[in-house]
Amino acid sequence: MTRTKLSVCQRKRRYDSEVAAVDAIAVSGLVLRSYRCDRCRQFHLTSRTKGKRVLGIGAGSG
């Protein structure tokens, strides 16, 4: 796994818990996933979902 760039971490919103991040995904209505940042140890959201499980609109449909 590649390390998160510090500049990316600094400009992203931070969530104290995975639950808070997942709640933000639900409110957004977008296909996003949460991940624990290796820089700040908090959770961020990303739209990069290739090969990953996702939560949001369209997830699980098919």
PDB file of N, CA and C in Angstrom:
ATOM      1  N   MET A   1       0.843  -1.172   0.000  1.00  0.00           N
ATOM      2  CA  MET A   1       0.000   0.000   0.000  1.00  0.00           C
ATOM      3  C   MET A   1       0.894   1.243   0.000  1.00  0.00           C
ATOM      4  N   THR A   2       0.507   2.231  -0.791  1.00  0.00           N
ATOM      5  CA  THR A   2       1.308   3.448  -0.839  1.00  0.00           C
ATOM      6  C   THR A   2       0.930   4.380   0.299  1.00  0.00           C
ATOM      7  N   ARG A   3       1.872   5.180   0.686  1.00  0.00           N
ATOM      8  CA  ARG A   3       1.664   6.107   1.781  1.00  0.00           C
ATOM      9  C   ARG A   3       0.943   7.361   1.303  1.00  0.00           C
ATOM     10  N   THR A   4       0.027   7.882   2.113  1.00  0.00           N
ATOM     11  CA  THR A   4      -0.699   9.107   1.789  1.00  0.00           C
ATOM     12  C   THR A   4       0.256  10.284   1.806  1.00  0.00           C
ATOM     13  N   LYS A   5       0.188  11.103   0.774  1.00  0.00           N
ATOM     14  CA  LYS A   5       1.026  12.298   0.735  1.00  0.00           C
ATOM     15  C   LYS A   5       0.551  13.274   1.798  1.00  0.00           C
ATOM     16  N   LEU A   6       1.471  13.931   2.452  1.00  0.00           N
ATOM     17  CA  LEU A   6       1.133  14.882   3.506  1.00  0.00           C
ATOM     18  C   LEU A   6       0.243  15.997   2.971  1.00  0.00           C
ATOM     19  N   SER A   7       0.520  16.479   1.758  1.00  0.00           N
ATOM     20  CA  SER A   7      -0.297  17.561   1.181  1.00  0.00           C
ATOM     21  C   SER A   7      -1.739  17.106   0.958  1.00  0.00           C
ATOM     22  N   VAL A   8      -1.944  15.831   0.619  1.00  0.00           N
ATOM     23  CA  VAL A   8      -3.291  15.298   0.434  1.00  0.00           C
ATOM     24  C   VAL A   8      -3.997  15.222   1.781  1.00  0.00           C
ATOM     25  N   CYS A   9      -3.318  14.716   2.774  1.00  0.00           N
ATOM     26  CA  CYS A   9      -3.882  14.606   4.113  1.00  0.00           C
ATOM     27  C   CYS A   9      -4.309  15.972   4.639  1.00  0.00           C
ATOM     28  N   GLN A  10      -3.468  16.967   4.452  1.00  0.00           N
ATOM     29  CA  GLN A  10      -3.737  18.287   5.008  1.00  0.00           C
ATOM     30  C   GLN A  10      -4.951  18.968   4.397  1.00  0.00           C
ATOM     31  N   ARG A  11      -5.284  18.635   3.141  1.00  0.00           N
ATOM     32  CA  ARG A  11      -6.419  19.318   2.529  1.00  0.00           C
ATOM     33  C   ARG A  11      -7.727  18.537   2.616  1.00  0.00           C
ATOM     34  N   LYS A  12      -7.679  17.314   3.122  1.00  0.00           N
ATOM     35  CA  LYS A  12      -8.885  16.516   3.254  1.00  0.00           C
ATOM     36  C   LYS A  12      -9.510  16.685   4.630  1.00  0.00           C
ATOM     37  N   ARG A  13     -10.835  16.516   4.653  1.00  0.00           N
ATOM     38  CA  ARG A  13     -11.551  16.558   5.916  1.00  0.00           C
ATOM     39  C   ARG A  13     -11.225  15.309   6.724  1.00  0.00           C
ATOM     40  N   ARG A  14     -11.110  15.476   8.022  1.00  0.00           N
ATOM     41  CA  ARG A  14     -10.773  14.364   8.909  1.00  0.00           C
ATOM     42  C   ARG A  14     -11.975  13.963   9.746  1.00  0.00           C
ATOM     43  N   TYR A  15     -12.128  12.661   9.926  1.00  0.00           N
ATOM     44  CA  TYR A  15     -13.200  12.113  10.756  1.00  0.00           C
ATOM     45  C   TYR A  15     -12.547  11.308  11.871  1.00  0.00           C
ATOM     46  N   ASP A  16     -13.060  11.484  13.094  1.00  0.00           N
ATOM     47  CA  ASP A  16     -12.475  10.822  14.260  1.00  0.00           C
ATOM     48  C   ASP A  16     -12.684   9.314  14.259  1.00  0.00           C
ATOM     49  N   SER A  17     -13.756   8.868  13.624  1.00  0.00           N
ATOM     50  CA  SER A  17     -14.055   7.436  13.623  1.00  0.00           C
ATOM     51  C   SER A  17     -14.544   7.005  12.250  1.00  0.00           C
ATOM     52  N   GLU A  18     -14.483   5.699  12.014  1.00  0.00           N
ATOM     53  CA  GLU A  18     -14.981   5.161  10.761  1.00  0.00           C
ATOM     54  C   GLU A  18     -16.496   5.345  10.671  1.00  0.00           C
ATOM     55  N   VAL A  19     -17.172   5.277  11.799  1.00  0.00           N
ATOM     56  CA  VAL A  19     -18.623   5.479  11.825  1.00  0.00           C
ATOM     57  C   VAL A  19     -18.969   6.885  11.334  1.00  0.00           C
ATOM     58  N   ALA A  20     -18.241   7.884  11.800  1.00  0.00           N
ATOM     59  CA  ALA A  20     -18.478   9.264  11.364  1.00  0.00           C
ATOM     60  C   ALA A  20     -18.216   9.412   9.864  1.00  0.00           C
ATOM     61  N   ALA A  21     -17.191   8.754   9.374  1.00  0.00           N
ATOM     62  CA  ALA A  21     -16.875   8.810   7.942  1.00  0.00           C
ATOM     63  C   ALA A  21     -17.964   8.142   7.120  1.00  0.00           C
ATOM     64  N   VAL A  22     -18.448   6.988   7.576  1.00  0.00           N
ATOM     65  CA  VAL A  22     -19.510   6.278   6.861  1.00  0.00           C
ATOM     66  C   VAL A  22     -20.804   7.098   6.888  1.00  0.00           C
ATOM     67  N   ASP A  23     -21.085   7.770   7.986  1.00  0.00           N
ATOM     68  CA  ASP A  23     -22.254   8.651   8.065  1.00  0.00           C
ATOM     69  C   ASP A  23     -22.145   9.773   7.039  1.00  0.00           C
ATOM     70  N   ALA A  24     -20.962  10.326   6.879  1.00  0.00           N
ATOM     71  CA  ALA A  24     -20.746  11.393   5.893  1.00  0.00           C
ATOM     72  C   ALA A  24     -20.952  10.867   4.474  1.00  0.00           C
ATOM     73  N   ILE A  25     -20.549   9.633   4.225  1.00  0.00           N
ATOM     74  CA  ILE A  25     -20.766   9.018   2.914  1.00  0.00           C
ATOM     75  C   ILE A  25     -22.265   8.900   2.647  1.00  0.00           C
ATOM     76  N   ALA A  26     -23.023   8.444   3.642  1.00  0.00           N
ATOM     77  CA  ALA A  26     -24.468   8.270   3.482  1.00  0.00           C
ATOM     78  C   ALA A  26     -25.154   9.597   3.167  1.00  0.00           C
ATOM     79  N   VAL A  27     -24.737  10.658   3.824  1.00  0.00           N
ATOM     80  CA  VAL A  27     -25.320  11.985   3.604  1.00  0.00           C
ATOM     81  C   VAL A  27     -24.962  12.532   2.227  1.00  0.00           C
ATOM     82  N   SER A  28     -23.780  12.207   1.756  1.00  0.00           N
ATOM     83  CA  SER A  28     -23.303  12.775   0.491  1.00  0.00           C
ATOM     84  C   SER A  28     -24.058  12.254  -0.723  1.00  0.00           C
ATOM     85  N   GLY A  29     -24.516  11.013  -0.670  1.00  0.00           N
ATOM     86  CA  GLY A  29     -25.179  10.423  -1.819  1.00  0.00           C
ATOM     87  C   GLY A  29     -24.227  10.055  -2.940  1.00  0.00           C
ATOM     88  N   LEU A  30     -22.937  10.065  -2.671  1.00  0.00           N
ATOM     89  CA  LEU A  30     -21.919   9.729  -3.669  1.00  0.00           C
ATOM     90  C   LEU A  30     -21.342   8.348  -3.383  1.00  0.00           C
ATOM     91  N   VAL A  31     -20.691   7.773  -4.372  1.00  0.00           N
ATOM     92  CA  VAL A  31     -20.000   6.493  -4.175  1.00  0.00           C
ATOM     93  C   VAL A  31     -18.601   6.820  -3.668  1.00  0.00           C
ATOM     94  N   LEU A  32     -18.411   6.622  -2.380  1.00  0.00           N
ATOM     95  CA  LEU A  32     -17.143   6.925  -1.719  1.00  0.00           C
ATOM     96  C   LEU A  32     -16.782   5.778  -0.806  1.00  0.00           C
ATOM     97  N   ARG A  33     -15.561   5.784  -0.337  1.00  0.00           N
ATOM     98  CA  ARG A  33     -15.156   4.855   0.709  1.00  0.00           C
ATOM     99  C   ARG A  33     -14.288   5.606   1.703  1.00  0.00           C
ATOM    100  N   SER A  34     -14.253   5.079   2.903  1.00  0.00           N
ATOM    101  CA  SER A  34     -13.422   5.690   3.940  1.00  0.00           C
ATOM    102  C   SER A  34     -12.138   4.886   4.085  1.00  0.00           C
ATOM    103  N   TYR A  35     -11.117   5.545   4.590  1.00  0.00           N
ATOM    104  CA  TYR A  35      -9.860   4.845   4.873  1.00  0.00           C
ATOM    105  C   TYR A  35      -9.141   5.546   6.012  1.00  0.00           C
ATOM    106  N   ARG A  36      -8.364   4.771   6.761  1.00  0.00           N
ATOM    107  CA  ARG A  36      -7.566   5.355   7.839  1.00  0.00           C
ATOM    108  C   ARG A  36      -6.273   5.881   7.233  1.00  0.00           C
ATOM    109  N   CYS A  37      -6.006   7.138   7.497  1.00  0.00           N
ATOM    110  CA  CYS A  37      -4.816   7.794   6.968  1.00  0.00           C
ATOM    111  C   CYS A  37      -3.585   7.389   7.772  1.00  0.00           C
ATOM    112  N   ASP A  38      -2.523   7.064   7.064  1.00  0.00           N
ATOM    113  CA  ASP A  38      -1.298   6.676   7.757  1.00  0.00           C
ATOM    114  C   ASP A  38      -0.498   7.883   8.237  1.00  0.00           C
ATOM    115  N   ARG A  39      -0.945   9.076   7.892  1.00  0.00           N
ATOM    116  CA  ARG A  39      -0.281  10.302   8.366  1.00  0.00           C
ATOM    117  C   ARG A  39      -0.894  10.800   9.673  1.00  0.00           C
ATOM    118  N   CYS A  40      -2.229  11.006   9.664  1.00  0.00           N
ATOM    119  CA  CYS A  40      -2.883  11.604  10.839  1.00  0.00           C
ATOM    120  C   CYS A  40      -3.617  10.576  11.701  1.00  0.00           C
ATOM    121  N   ARG A  41      -3.716   9.311  11.217  1.00  0.00           N
ATOM    122  CA  ARG A  41      -4.385   8.210  11.919  1.00  0.00           C
ATOM    123  C   ARG A  41      -5.885   8.431  12.080  1.00  0.00           C
ATOM    124  N   GLN A  42      -6.454   9.410  11.376  1.00  0.00           N
ATOM    125  CA  GLN A  42      -7.900   9.599  11.367  1.00  0.00           C
ATOM    126  C   GLN A  42      -8.437   9.079  10.037  1.00  0.00           C
ATOM    127  N   PHE A  43      -9.726   9.251   9.791  1.00  0.00           N
ATOM    128  CA  PHE A  43     -10.339   8.730   8.575  1.00  0.00           C
ATOM    129  C   PHE A  43     -10.592   9.842   7.573  1.00  0.00           C
ATOM    130  N   HIS A  44     -10.375   9.543   6.307  1.00  0.00           N
ATOM    131  CA  HIS A  44     -10.678  10.426   5.188  1.00  0.00           C
ATOM    132  C   HIS A  44     -11.621   9.681   4.259  1.00  0.00           C
ATOM    133  N   LEU A  45     -12.181  10.422   3.291  1.00  0.00           N
ATOM    134  CA  LEU A  45     -13.014   9.820   2.253  1.00  0.00           C
ATOM    135  C   LEU A  45     -12.292   9.918   0.925  1.00  0.00           C
ATOM    136  N   THR A  46     -12.537   8.944   0.069  1.00  0.00           N
ATOM    137  CA  THR A  46     -11.959   8.968  -1.265  1.00  0.00           C
ATOM    138  C   THR A  46     -12.981   8.453  -2.269  1.00  0.00           C
ATOM    139  N   SER A  47     -12.859   8.947  -3.488  1.00  0.00           N
ATOM    140  CA  SER A  47     -13.710   8.441  -4.569  1.00  0.00           C
ATOM    141  C   SER A  47     -13.013   7.311  -5.317  1.00  0.00           C
ATOM    142  N   ARG A  48     -11.772   7.039  -4.985  1.00  0.00           N
ATOM    143  CA  ARG A  48     -11.046   5.938  -5.627  1.00  0.00           C
ATOM    144  C   ARG A  48     -11.566   4.629  -5.067  1.00  0.00           C
ATOM    145  N   THR A  49     -12.242   3.889  -5.923  1.00  0.00           N
ATOM    146  CA  THR A  49     -12.899   2.671  -5.460  1.00  0.00           C
ATOM    147  C   THR A  49     -12.484   1.437  -6.250  1.00  0.00           C
ATOM    148  N   LYS A  50     -11.582   1.541  -7.182  1.00  0.00           N
ATOM    149  CA  LYS A  50     -11.205   0.406  -8.024  1.00  0.00           C
ATOM    150  C   LYS A  50     -10.699  -0.755  -7.160  1.00  0.00           C
ATOM    151  N   GLY A  51     -11.411  -1.867  -7.254  1.00  0.00           N
ATOM    152  CA  GLY A  51     -11.021  -3.055  -6.514  1.00  0.00           C
ATOM    153  C   GLY A  51     -11.331  -3.009  -5.035  1.00  0.00           C
ATOM    154  N   LYS A  52     -12.112  -2.040  -4.598  1.00  0.00           N
ATOM    155  CA  LYS A  52     -12.426  -1.895  -3.177  1.00  0.00           C
ATOM    156  C   LYS A  52     -13.919  -2.038  -2.947  1.00  0.00           C
ATOM    157  N   ARG A  53     -14.299  -2.415  -1.726  1.00  0.00           N
ATOM    158  CA  ARG A  53     -15.714  -2.405  -1.341  1.00  0.00           C
ATOM    159  C   ARG A  53     -16.124  -0.967  -1.087  1.00  0.00           C
ATOM    160  N   VAL A  54     -17.314  -0.584  -1.532  1.00  0.00           N
ATOM    161  CA  VAL A  54     -17.760   0.799  -1.393  1.00  0.00           C
ATOM    162  C   VAL A  54     -19.129   0.857  -0.727  1.00  0.00           C
ATOM    163  N   LEU A  55     -19.422   2.009  -0.128  1.00  0.00           N
ATOM    164  CA  LEU A  55     -20.736   2.312   0.420  1.00  0.00           C
ATOM    165  C   LEU A  55     -21.250   3.532  -0.304  1.00  0.00           C
ATOM    166  N   GLY A  56     -22.531   3.553  -0.588  1.00  0.00           N
ATOM    167  CA  GLY A  56     -23.107   4.718  -1.258  1.00  0.00           C
ATOM    168  C   GLY A  56     -24.073   4.306  -2.341  1.00  0.00           C
ATOM    169  N   ILE A  57     -24.542   5.255  -3.097  1.00  0.00           N
ATOM    170  CA  ILE A  57     -25.479   4.986  -4.181  1.00  0.00           C
ATOM    171  C   ILE A  57     -24.829   4.053  -5.199  1.00  0.00           C
ATOM    172  N   GLY A  58     -25.564   3.045  -5.583  1.00  0.00           N
ATOM    173  CA  GLY A  58     -25.054   2.117  -6.581  1.00  0.00           C
ATOM    174  C   GLY A  58     -24.302   0.938  -5.987  1.00  0.00           C
ATOM    175  N   ALA A  59     -23.938   1.021  -4.757  1.00  0.00           N
ATOM    176  CA  ALA A  59     -23.215  -0.085  -4.132  1.00  0.00           C
ATOM    177  C   ALA A  59     -24.175  -1.247  -3.909  1.00  0.00           C
ATOM    178  N   GLY A  60     -23.785  -2.398  -4.328  1.00  0.00           N
ATOM    179  CA  GLY A  60     -24.591  -3.588  -4.122  1.00  0.00           C
ATOM    180  C   GLY A  60     -25.655  -3.808  -5.164  1.00  0.00           C
ATOM    181  N   SER A  61     -25.800  -2.897  -6.129  1.00  0.00           N
ATOM    182  CA  SER A  61     -26.800  -3.107  -7.166  1.00  0.00           C
ATOM    183  C   SER A  61     -26.179  -3.931  -8.289  1.00  0.00           C
ATOM    184  N   GLY A  62     -26.980  -4.750  -8.927  1.00  0.00           N
ATOM    185  CA  GLY A  62     -26.416  -5.489 -10.033  1.00  0.00           C
ATOM    186  C   GLY A  62     -27.087  -6.739 -10.237  1.00  0.00           C
TER     187      GLY A  62
END
